[in-house]
Amino acid sequence: MRIELNYGPQSVPESNRSVAQNPASGSLPATSALGEDQAQISGAHLQVQALAAQAAQLPEVREERVQALRQAVQSGQYHPSREKVAGAILEHMIAGPAA
């Protein structure tokens, strides 16, 4: 999203201005020199939606990997290095419980 800061007065097309009569004088009110707020949205939200749709189609757990590790642990063939275990614990602690 891009926000552009325009500090000067902005002109507003006549079709966007609301016209109301002042009941006391019966005349039209003076128009504001400041104009109206404007916002422009980029197309990045479409990319985010596409990525979210792709992520929703992926399984939560990689079943093949979990099953392979489960078999290796049960058969006694899984021997992780101490360095990898310590690194994974530190990484989890740094990232926090949400990760």
PDB file of N, CA and C in Angstrom:
ATOM      1  N   MET A   1       0.852  -1.162   0.000  1.00  0.00           N
ATOM      2  CA  MET A   1       0.000   0.000   0.000  1.00  0.00           C
ATOM      3  C   MET A   1       0.894   1.220   0.000  1.00  0.00           C
ATOM      4  N   ARG A   2       0.540   2.211  -0.793  1.00  0.00           N
ATOM      5  CA  ARG A   2       1.316   3.430  -0.890  1.00  0.00           C
ATOM      6  C   ARG A   2       0.454   4.591  -0.421  1.00  0.00           C
ATOM      7  N   ILE A   3       1.001   5.407   0.450  1.00  0.00           N
ATOM      8  CA  ILE A   3       0.292   6.578   0.953  1.00  0.00           C
ATOM      9  C   ILE A   3       1.044   7.808   0.482  1.00  0.00           C
ATOM     10  N   GLU A   4       0.347   8.656  -0.217  1.00  0.00           N
ATOM     11  CA  GLU A   4       0.952   9.889  -0.678  1.00  0.00           C
ATOM     12  C   GLU A   4       0.444  11.035   0.181  1.00  0.00           C
ATOM     13  N   LEU A   5       1.371  11.810   0.673  1.00  0.00           N
ATOM     14  CA  LEU A   5       1.002  12.936   1.519  1.00  0.00           C
ATOM     15  C   LEU A   5       0.948  14.195   0.671  1.00  0.00           C
ATOM     16  N   ASN A   6      -0.224  14.748   0.507  1.00  0.00           N
ATOM     17  CA  ASN A   6      -0.411  15.993  -0.226  1.00  0.00           C
ATOM     18  C   ASN A   6      -0.864  17.042   0.766  1.00  0.00           C
ATOM     19  N   TYR A   7      -0.002  18.024   1.025  1.00  0.00           N
ATOM     20  CA  TYR A   7      -0.297  19.017   2.038  1.00  0.00           C
ATOM     21  C   TYR A   7      -1.073  20.207   1.485  1.00  0.00           C
ATOM     22  N   GLY A   8      -1.021  20.426   0.186  1.00  0.00           N
ATOM     23  CA  GLY A   8      -1.683  21.583  -0.392  1.00  0.00           C
ATOM     24  C   GLY A   8      -3.148  21.308  -0.661  1.00  0.00           C
ATOM     25  N   PRO A   9      -3.885  22.364  -1.000  1.00  0.00           N
ATOM     26  CA  PRO A   9      -5.302  22.189  -1.319  1.00  0.00           C
ATOM     27  C   PRO A   9      -5.461  21.345  -2.576  1.00  0.00           C
ATOM     28  N   GLN A  10      -6.509  20.561  -2.603  1.00  0.00           N
ATOM     29  CA  GLN A  10      -6.795  19.715  -3.747  1.00  0.00           C
ATOM     30  C   GLN A  10      -8.096  20.163  -4.370  1.00  0.00           C
ATOM     31  N   SER A  11      -8.145  20.129  -5.693  1.00  0.00           N
ATOM     32  CA  SER A  11      -9.397  20.487  -6.351  1.00  0.00           C
ATOM     33  C   SER A  11     -10.256  19.239  -6.466  1.00  0.00           C
ATOM     34  N   VAL A  12     -11.543  19.428  -6.298  1.00  0.00           N
ATOM     35  CA  VAL A  12     -12.497  18.333  -6.360  1.00  0.00           C
ATOM     36  C   VAL A  12     -13.422  18.603  -7.529  1.00  0.00           C
ATOM     37  N   PRO A  13     -13.642  17.612  -8.407  1.00  0.00           N
ATOM     38  CA  PRO A  13     -14.544  17.833  -9.531  1.00  0.00           C
ATOM     39  C   PRO A  13     -15.937  18.219  -9.044  1.00  0.00           C
ATOM     40  N   GLU A  14     -16.627  19.017  -9.850  1.00  0.00           N
ATOM     41  CA  GLU A  14     -17.955  19.494  -9.490  1.00  0.00           C
ATOM     42  C   GLU A  14     -18.920  18.352  -9.221  1.00  0.00           C
ATOM     43  N   SER A  15     -18.794  17.237  -9.925  1.00  0.00           N
ATOM     44  CA  SER A  15     -19.739  16.129  -9.767  1.00  0.00           C
ATOM     45  C   SER A  15     -19.615  15.460  -8.402  1.00  0.00           C
ATOM     46  N   ASN A  16     -18.477  15.603  -7.729  1.00  0.00           N
ATOM     47  CA  ASN A  16     -18.272  14.975  -6.432  1.00  0.00           C
ATOM     48  C   ASN A  16     -18.660  15.872  -5.267  1.00  0.00           C
ATOM     49  N   ARG A  17     -18.913  17.130  -5.528  1.00  0.00           N
ATOM     50  CA  ARG A  17     -19.256  18.053  -4.450  1.00  0.00           C
ATOM     51  C   ARG A  17     -20.735  17.937  -4.121  1.00  0.00           C
ATOM     52  N   SER A  18     -21.015  17.964  -2.841  1.00  0.00           N
ATOM     53  CA  SER A  18     -22.415  17.951  -2.440  1.00  0.00           C
ATOM     54  C   SER A  18     -22.885  19.390  -2.322  1.00  0.00           C
ATOM     55  N   VAL A  19     -24.086  19.641  -2.779  1.00  0.00           N
ATOM     56  CA  VAL A  19     -24.627  20.991  -2.771  1.00  0.00           C
ATOM     57  C   VAL A  19     -25.839  20.991  -1.862  1.00  0.00           C
ATOM     58  N   ALA A  20     -25.819  21.871  -0.875  1.00  0.00           N
ATOM     59  CA  ALA A  20     -26.954  22.004   0.030  1.00  0.00           C
ATOM     60  C   ALA A  20     -27.234  23.485   0.220  1.00  0.00           C
ATOM     61  N   GLN A  21     -28.479  23.803   0.393  1.00  0.00           N
ATOM     62  CA  GLN A  21     -28.825  25.199   0.587  1.00  0.00           C
ATOM     63  C   GLN A  21     -28.846  25.537   2.055  1.00  0.00           C
ATOM     64  N   ASN A  22     -28.434  26.737   2.342  1.00  0.00           N
ATOM     65  CA  ASN A  22     -28.489  27.239   3.702  1.00  0.00           C
ATOM     66  C   ASN A  22     -29.920  27.704   3.955  1.00  0.00           C
ATOM     67  N   PRO A  23     -30.637  27.053   4.879  1.00  0.00           N
ATOM     68  CA  PRO A  23     -32.036  27.411   5.068  1.00  0.00           C
ATOM     69  C   PRO A  23     -32.225  28.854   5.526  1.00  0.00           C
ATOM     70  N   ALA A  24     -31.273  29.426   6.223  1.00  0.00           N
ATOM     71  CA  ALA A  24     -31.435  30.790   6.727  1.00  0.00           C
ATOM     72  C   ALA A  24     -31.354  31.808   5.607  1.00  0.00           C
ATOM     73  N   SER A  25     -30.415  31.616   4.687  1.00  0.00           N
ATOM     74  CA  SER A  25     -30.222  32.623   3.648  1.00  0.00           C
ATOM     75  C   SER A  25     -30.809  32.210   2.313  1.00  0.00           C
ATOM     76  N   GLY A  26     -31.057  30.905   2.132  1.00  0.00           N
ATOM     77  CA  GLY A  26     -31.576  30.432   0.860  1.00  0.00           C
ATOM     78  C   GLY A  26     -30.523  30.396  -0.226  1.00  0.00           C
ATOM     79  N   SER A  27     -29.267  30.590   0.134  1.00  0.00           N
ATOM     80  CA  SER A  27     -28.201  30.572  -0.857  1.00  0.00           C
ATOM     81  C   SER A  27     -27.365  29.317  -0.716  1.00  0.00           C
ATOM     82  N   LEU A  28     -26.525  29.074  -1.695  1.00  0.00           N
ATOM     83  CA  LEU A  28     -25.627  27.921  -1.668  1.00  0.00           C
ATOM     84  C   LEU A  28     -24.444  28.217  -0.764  1.00  0.00           C
ATOM     85  N   PRO A  29     -23.941  27.204  -0.037  1.00  0.00           N
ATOM     86  CA  PRO A  29     -22.790  27.441   0.842  1.00  0.00           C
ATOM     87  C   PRO A  29     -21.520  27.630   0.033  1.00  0.00           C
ATOM     88  N   ALA A  30     -20.542  28.269   0.647  1.00  0.00           N
ATOM     89  CA  ALA A  30     -19.236  28.441   0.019  1.00  0.00           C
ATOM     90  C   ALA A  30     -18.539  27.090  -0.030  1.00  0.00           C
ATOM     91  N   THR A  31     -17.810  26.818  -1.109  1.00  0.00           N
ATOM     92  CA  THR A  31     -17.108  25.543  -1.236  1.00  0.00           C
ATOM     93  C   THR A  31     -15.797  25.602  -0.482  1.00  0.00           C
ATOM     94  N   SER A  32     -15.360  24.455   0.023  1.00  0.00           N
ATOM     95  CA  SER A  32     -14.123  24.374   0.789  1.00  0.00           C
ATOM     96  C   SER A  32     -12.932  24.361  -0.153  1.00  0.00           C
ATOM     97  N   ALA A  33     -11.872  25.057   0.201  1.00  0.00           N
ATOM     98  CA  ALA A  33     -10.660  25.087  -0.609  1.00  0.00           C
ATOM     99  C   ALA A  33      -9.802  23.859  -0.383  1.00  0.00           C
ATOM    100  N   LEU A  34     -10.084  23.076   0.665  1.00  0.00           N
ATOM    101  CA  LEU A  34      -9.245  21.929   0.984  1.00  0.00           C
ATOM    102  C   LEU A  34      -9.594  20.693   0.170  1.00  0.00           C
ATOM    103  N   GLY A  35     -10.776  20.543  -0.337  1.00  0.00           N
ATOM    104  CA  GLY A  35     -11.135  19.382  -1.122  1.00  0.00           C
ATOM    105  C   GLY A  35     -11.507  18.217  -0.240  1.00  0.00           C
ATOM    106  N   GLU A  36     -11.403  17.020  -0.771  1.00  0.00           N
ATOM    107  CA  GLU A  36     -11.782  15.802  -0.058  1.00  0.00           C
ATOM    108  C   GLU A  36     -10.585  14.876   0.069  1.00  0.00           C
ATOM    109  N   ASP A  37     -10.643  13.967   1.029  1.00  0.00           N
ATOM    110  CA  ASP A  37      -9.603  12.954   1.188  1.00  0.00           C
ATOM    111  C   ASP A  37      -9.714  11.945   0.058  1.00  0.00           C
ATOM    112  N   GLN A  38      -8.586  11.416  -0.345  1.00  0.00           N
ATOM    113  CA  GLN A  38      -8.567  10.417  -1.400  1.00  0.00           C
ATOM    114  C   GLN A  38      -7.651   9.276  -0.981  1.00  0.00           C
ATOM    115  N   ALA A  39      -7.970   8.078  -1.431  1.00  0.00           N
ATOM    116  CA  ALA A  39      -7.131   6.904  -1.172  1.00  0.00           C
ATOM    117  C   ALA A  39      -7.016   6.089  -2.444  1.00  0.00           C
ATOM    118  N   GLN A  40      -5.835   5.581  -2.698  1.00  0.00           N
ATOM    119  CA  GLN A  40      -5.607   4.709  -3.841  1.00  0.00           C
ATOM    120  C   GLN A  40      -5.020   3.410  -3.323  1.00  0.00           C
ATOM    121  N   ILE A  41      -5.601   2.297  -3.739  1.00  0.00           N
ATOM    122  CA  ILE A  41      -5.152   0.986  -3.284  1.00  0.00           C
ATOM    123  C   ILE A  41      -4.460   0.283  -4.442  1.00  0.00           C
ATOM    124  N   SER A  42      -3.295  -0.276  -4.158  1.00  0.00           N
ATOM    125  CA  SER A  42      -2.543  -0.975  -5.194  1.00  0.00           C
ATOM    126  C   SER A  42      -3.123  -2.365  -5.419  1.00  0.00           C
ATOM    127  N   GLY A  43      -2.609  -3.061  -6.395  1.00  0.00           N
ATOM    128  CA  GLY A  43      -3.073  -4.413  -6.709  1.00  0.00           C
ATOM    129  C   GLY A  43      -2.413  -5.481  -5.853  1.00  0.00           C
ATOM    130  N   ALA A  44      -1.655  -5.092  -4.835  1.00  0.00           N
ATOM    131  CA  ALA A  44      -0.956  -6.077  -3.998  1.00  0.00           C
ATOM    132  C   ALA A  44      -1.927  -6.989  -3.267  1.00  0.00           C
ATOM    133  N   HIS A  45      -3.119  -6.501  -2.967  1.00  0.00           N
ATOM    134  CA  HIS A  45      -4.086  -7.343  -2.255  1.00  0.00           C
ATOM    135  C   HIS A  45      -4.486  -8.551  -3.084  1.00  0.00           C
ATOM    136  N   LEU A  46      -4.459  -8.428  -4.415  1.00  0.00           N
ATOM    137  CA  LEU A  46      -4.771  -9.576  -5.276  1.00  0.00           C
ATOM    138  C   LEU A  46      -3.683 -10.651  -5.156  1.00  0.00           C
ATOM    139  N   GLN A  47      -2.438 -10.216  -5.059  1.00  0.00           N
ATOM    140  CA  GLN A  47      -1.342 -11.165  -4.886  1.00  0.00           C
ATOM    141  C   GLN A  47      -1.453 -11.868  -3.539  1.00  0.00           C
ATOM    142  N   VAL A  48      -1.799 -11.128  -2.507  1.00  0.00           N
ATOM    143  CA  VAL A  48      -1.953 -11.716  -1.172  1.00  0.00           C
ATOM    144  C   VAL A  48      -3.082 -12.735  -1.176  1.00  0.00           C
ATOM    145  N   GLN A  49      -4.193 -12.402  -1.825  1.00  0.00           N
ATOM    146  CA  GLN A  49      -5.317 -13.332  -1.895  1.00  0.00           C
ATOM    147  C   GLN A  49      -4.935 -14.602  -2.642  1.00  0.00           C
ATOM    148  N   ALA A  50      -4.175 -14.468  -3.725  1.00  0.00           N
ATOM    149  CA  ALA A  50      -3.747 -15.640  -4.488  1.00  0.00           C
ATOM    150  C   ALA A  50      -2.819 -16.528  -3.658  1.00  0.00           C
ATOM    151  N   LEU A  51      -1.888 -15.917  -2.929  1.00  0.00           N
ATOM    152  CA  LEU A  51      -0.981 -16.686  -2.084  1.00  0.00           C
ATOM    153  C   LEU A  51      -1.729 -17.358  -0.933  1.00  0.00           C
ATOM    154  N   ALA A  52      -2.707 -16.676  -0.367  1.00  0.00           N
ATOM    155  CA  ALA A  52      -3.499 -17.260   0.710  1.00  0.00           C
ATOM    156  C   ALA A  52      -4.297 -18.452   0.203  1.00  0.00           C
ATOM    157  N   ALA A  53      -4.814 -18.359  -1.016  1.00  0.00           N
ATOM    158  CA  ALA A  53      -5.562 -19.479  -1.598  1.00  0.00           C
ATOM    159  C   ALA A  53      -4.639 -20.678  -1.831  1.00  0.00           C
ATOM    160  N   GLN A  54      -3.421 -20.414  -2.289  1.00  0.00           N
ATOM    161  CA  GLN A  54      -2.449 -21.495  -2.485  1.00  0.00           C
ATOM    162  C   GLN A  54      -2.084 -22.136  -1.157  1.00  0.00           C
ATOM    163  N   ALA A  55      -1.866 -21.326  -0.133  1.00  0.00           N
ATOM    164  CA  ALA A  55      -1.489 -21.856   1.176  1.00  0.00           C
ATOM    165  C   ALA A  55      -2.622 -22.669   1.782  1.00  0.00           C
ATOM    166  N   ALA A  56      -3.857 -22.278   1.523  1.00  0.00           N
ATOM    167  CA  ALA A  56      -5.003 -23.007   2.064  1.00  0.00           C
ATOM    168  C   ALA A  56      -5.116 -24.405   1.465  1.00  0.00           C
ATOM    169  N   GLN A  57      -4.575 -24.587   0.262  1.00  0.00           N
ATOM    170  CA  GLN A  57      -4.641 -25.894  -0.389  1.00  0.00           C
ATOM    171  C   GLN A  57      -3.543 -26.845   0.098  1.00  0.00           C
ATOM    172  N   LEU A  58      -2.523 -26.310   0.767  1.00  0.00           N
ATOM    173  CA  LEU A  58      -1.441 -27.154   1.265  1.00  0.00           C
ATOM    174  C   LEU A  58      -1.884 -27.846   2.552  1.00  0.00           C
ATOM    175  N   PRO A  59      -1.415 -29.068   2.757  1.00  0.00           N
ATOM    176  CA  PRO A  59      -1.772 -29.744   4.011  1.00  0.00           C
ATOM    177  C   PRO A  59      -1.077 -29.090   5.195  1.00  0.00           C
ATOM    178  N   GLU A  60      -1.712 -29.144   6.352  1.00  0.00           N
ATOM    179  CA  GLU A  60      -1.146 -28.559   7.570  1.00  0.00           C
ATOM    180  C   GLU A  60       0.139 -29.287   7.970  1.00  0.00           C
ATOM    181  N   VAL A  61       0.137 -30.578   7.837  1.00  0.00           N
ATOM    182  CA  VAL A  61       1.276 -31.398   8.234  1.00  0.00           C
ATOM    183  C   VAL A  61       1.753 -32.184   7.023  1.00  0.00           C
ATOM    184  N   ARG A  62       3.077 -32.236   6.851  1.00  0.00           N
ATOM    185  CA  ARG A  62       3.635 -33.032   5.751  1.00  0.00           C
ATOM    186  C   ARG A  62       3.635 -34.496   6.185  1.00  0.00           C
ATOM    187  N   GLU A  63       2.549 -35.169   5.889  1.00  0.00           N
ATOM    188  CA  GLU A  63       2.320 -36.535   6.366  1.00  0.00           C
ATOM    189  C   GLU A  63       3.447 -37.494   5.976  1.00  0.00           C
ATOM    190  N   GLU A  64       3.963 -37.354   4.753  1.00  0.00           N
ATOM    191  CA  GLU A  64       5.035 -38.262   4.305  1.00  0.00           C
ATOM    192  C   GLU A  64       6.276 -38.114   5.188  1.00  0.00           C
ATOM    193  N   ARG A  65       6.625 -36.880   5.490  1.00  0.00           N
ATOM    194  CA  ARG A  65       7.815 -36.611   6.319  1.00  0.00           C
ATOM    195  C   ARG A  65       7.601 -37.110   7.747  1.00  0.00           C
ATOM    196  N   VAL A  66       6.409 -36.864   8.285  1.00  0.00           N
ATOM    197  CA  VAL A  66       6.108 -37.316   9.647  1.00  0.00           C
ATOM    198  C   VAL A  66       6.162 -38.835   9.725  1.00  0.00           C
ATOM    199  N   GLN A  67       5.598 -39.503   8.749  1.00  0.00           N
ATOM    200  CA  GLN A  67       5.589 -40.972   8.753  1.00  0.00           C
ATOM    201  C   GLN A  67       7.016 -41.530   8.632  1.00  0.00           C
ATOM    202  N   ALA A  68       7.830 -40.924   7.782  1.00  0.00           N
ATOM    203  CA  ALA A  68       9.219 -41.375   7.621  1.00  0.00           C
ATOM    204  C   ALA A  68       9.999 -41.193   8.922  1.00  0.00           C
ATOM    205  N   LEU A  69       9.822 -40.065   9.590  1.00  0.00           N
ATOM    206  CA  LEU A  69      10.516 -39.841  10.860  1.00  0.00           C
ATOM    207  C   LEU A  69       9.996 -40.781  11.947  1.00  0.00           C
ATOM    208  N   ARG A  70       8.700 -41.020  11.968  1.00  0.00           N
ATOM    209  CA  ARG A  70       8.123 -41.933  12.954  1.00  0.00           C
ATOM    210  C   ARG A  70       8.717 -43.335  12.801  1.00  0.00           C
ATOM    211  N   GLN A  71       8.826 -43.805  11.574  1.00  0.00           N
ATOM    212  CA  GLN A  71       9.402 -45.128  11.329  1.00  0.00           C
ATOM    213  C   GLN A  71      10.872 -45.182  11.727  1.00  0.00           C
ATOM    214  N   ALA A  72      11.617 -44.092  11.426  1.00  0.00           N
ATOM    215  CA  ALA A  72      13.037 -44.060  11.781  1.00  0.00           C
ATOM    216  C   ALA A  72      13.215 -44.082  13.291  1.00  0.00           C
ATOM    217  N   VAL A  73      12.377 -43.357  14.035  1.00  0.00           N
ATOM    218  CA  VAL A  73      12.469 -43.341  15.494  1.00  0.00           C
ATOM    219  C   VAL A  73      12.109 -44.705  16.057  1.00  0.00           C
ATOM    220  N   GLN A  74      11.039 -45.297  15.569  1.00  0.00           N
ATOM    221  CA  GLN A  74      10.588 -46.586  16.084  1.00  0.00           C
ATOM    222  C   GLN A  74      11.578 -47.707  15.792  1.00  0.00           C
ATOM    223  N   SER A  75      12.280 -47.612  14.665  1.00  0.00           N
ATOM    224  CA  SER A  75      13.243 -48.655  14.317  1.00  0.00           C
ATOM    225  C   SER A  75      14.630 -48.399  14.917  1.00  0.00           C
ATOM    226  N   GLY A  76      14.814 -47.230  15.567  1.00  0.00           N
ATOM    227  CA  GLY A  76      16.104 -46.931  16.178  1.00  0.00           C
ATOM    228  C   GLY A  76      17.126 -46.384  15.197  1.00  0.00           C
ATOM    229  N   GLN A  77      16.692 -45.995  14.029  1.00  0.00           N
ATOM    230  CA  GLN A  77      17.606 -45.485  13.008  1.00  0.00           C
ATOM    231  C   GLN A  77      17.715 -43.959  12.998  1.00  0.00           C
ATOM    232  N   TYR A  78      16.968 -43.292  13.850  1.00  0.00           N
ATOM    233  CA  TYR A  78      16.995 -41.827  13.872  1.00  0.00           C
ATOM    234  C   TYR A  78      17.973 -41.379  14.940  1.00  0.00           C
ATOM    235  N   HIS A  79      19.046 -40.713  14.512  1.00  0.00           N
ATOM    236  CA  HIS A  79      20.082 -40.236  15.424  1.00  0.00           C
ATOM    237  C   HIS A  79      20.424 -38.788  15.071  1.00  0.00           C
ATOM    238  N   PRO A  80      19.641 -37.840  15.561  1.00  0.00           N
ATOM    239  CA  PRO A  80      19.938 -36.434  15.252  1.00  0.00           C
ATOM    240  C   PRO A  80      21.205 -35.994  15.981  1.00  0.00           C
ATOM    241  N   SER A  81      21.942 -35.057  15.362  1.00  0.00           N
ATOM    242  CA  SER A  81      23.154 -34.564  16.003  1.00  0.00           C
ATOM    243  C   SER A  81      22.787 -33.631  17.141  1.00  0.00           C
ATOM    244  N   ARG A  82      23.672 -33.582  18.116  1.00  0.00           N
ATOM    245  CA  ARG A  82      23.446 -32.696  19.269  1.00  0.00           C
ATOM    246  C   ARG A  82      23.366 -31.242  18.831  1.00  0.00           C
ATOM    247  N   GLU A  83      24.178 -30.871  17.846  1.00  0.00           N
ATOM    248  CA  GLU A  83      24.199 -29.502  17.350  1.00  0.00           C
ATOM    249  C   GLU A  83      22.860 -29.123  16.717  1.00  0.00           C
ATOM    250  N   LYS A  84      22.285 -30.058  15.947  1.00  0.00           N
ATOM    251  CA  LYS A  84      21.000 -29.772  15.308  1.00  0.00           C
ATOM    252  C   LYS A  84      19.883 -29.648  16.342  1.00  0.00           C
ATOM    253  N   VAL A  85      19.906 -30.490  17.362  1.00  0.00           N
ATOM    254  CA  VAL A  85      18.890 -30.428  18.409  1.00  0.00           C
ATOM    255  C   VAL A  85      19.010 -29.115  19.168  1.00  0.00           C
ATOM    256  N   ALA A  86      20.227 -28.750  19.559  1.00  0.00           N
ATOM    257  CA  ALA A  86      20.442 -27.504  20.292  1.00  0.00           C
ATOM    258  C   ALA A  86      20.048 -26.298  19.436  1.00  0.00           C
ATOM    259  N   GLY A  87      20.416 -26.326  18.167  1.00  0.00           N
ATOM    260  CA  GLY A  87      20.060 -25.228  17.262  1.00  0.00           C
ATOM    261  C   GLY A  87      18.555 -25.087  17.104  1.00  0.00           C
ATOM    262  N   ALA A  88      17.853 -26.223  16.999  1.00  0.00           N
ATOM    263  CA  ALA A  88      16.405 -26.177  16.862  1.00  0.00           C
ATOM    264  C   ALA A  88      15.748 -25.640  18.125  1.00  0.00           C
ATOM    265  N   ILE A  89      16.269 -26.016  19.283  1.00  0.00           N
ATOM    266  CA  ILE A  89      15.714 -25.520  20.551  1.00  0.00           C
ATOM    267  C   ILE A  89      15.927 -24.009  20.659  1.00  0.00           C
ATOM    268  N   LEU A  90      17.134 -23.532  20.342  1.00  0.00           N
ATOM    269  CA  LEU A  90      17.404 -22.095  20.395  1.00  0.00           C
ATOM    270  C   LEU A  90      16.549 -21.324  19.396  1.00  0.00           C
ATOM    271  N   GLU A  91      16.416 -21.848  18.197  1.00  0.00           N
ATOM    272  CA  GLU A  91      15.607 -21.187  17.179  1.00  0.00           C
ATOM    273  C   GLU A  91      14.153 -21.080  17.635  1.00  0.00           C
ATOM    274  N   HIS A  92      13.630 -22.124  18.250  1.00  0.00           N
ATOM    275  CA  HIS A  92      12.255 -22.114  18.754  1.00  0.00           C
ATOM    276  C   HIS A  92      12.103 -21.092  19.880  1.00  0.00           C
ATOM    277  N   MET A  93      13.122 -21.012  20.749  1.00  0.00           N
ATOM    278  CA  MET A  93      13.054 -20.068  21.865  1.00  0.00           C
ATOM    279  C   MET A  93      13.110 -18.620  21.366  1.00  0.00           C
ATOM    280  N   ILE A  94      13.927 -18.363  20.352  1.00  0.00           N
ATOM    281  CA  ILE A  94      14.060 -17.013  19.807  1.00  0.00           C
ATOM    282  C   ILE A  94      12.797 -16.617  19.054  1.00  0.00           C
ATOM    283  N   ALA A  95      12.256 -17.536  18.260  1.00  0.00           N
ATOM    284  CA  ALA A  95      11.075 -17.226  17.460  1.00  0.00           C
ATOM    285  C   ALA A  95       9.837 -17.090  18.317  1.00  0.00           C
ATOM    286  N   GLY A  96       9.815 -17.748  19.468  1.00  0.00           N
ATOM    287  CA  GLY A  96       8.652 -17.677  20.339  1.00  0.00           C
ATOM    288  C   GLY A  96       7.716 -18.845  20.133  1.00  0.00           C
ATOM    289  N   PRO A  97       6.757 -18.993  21.006  1.00  0.00           N
ATOM    290  CA  PRO A  97       5.860 -20.159  20.945  1.00  0.00           C
ATOM    291  C   PRO A  97       4.907 -20.138  19.769  1.00  0.00           C
ATOM    292  N   ALA A  98       4.680 -18.970  19.131  1.00  0.00           N
ATOM    293  CA  ALA A  98       3.757 -18.907  18.003  1.00  0.00           C
ATOM    294  C   ALA A  98       4.339 -19.570  16.776  1.00  0.00           C
ATOM    295  N   ALA A  99       5.653 -19.669  16.681  1.00  0.00           N
ATOM    296  CA  ALA A  99       6.285 -20.207  15.467  1.00  0.00           C
ATOM    297  C   ALA A  99       6.448 -21.639  15.531  1.00  0.00           C
TER     298      ALA A  99
END
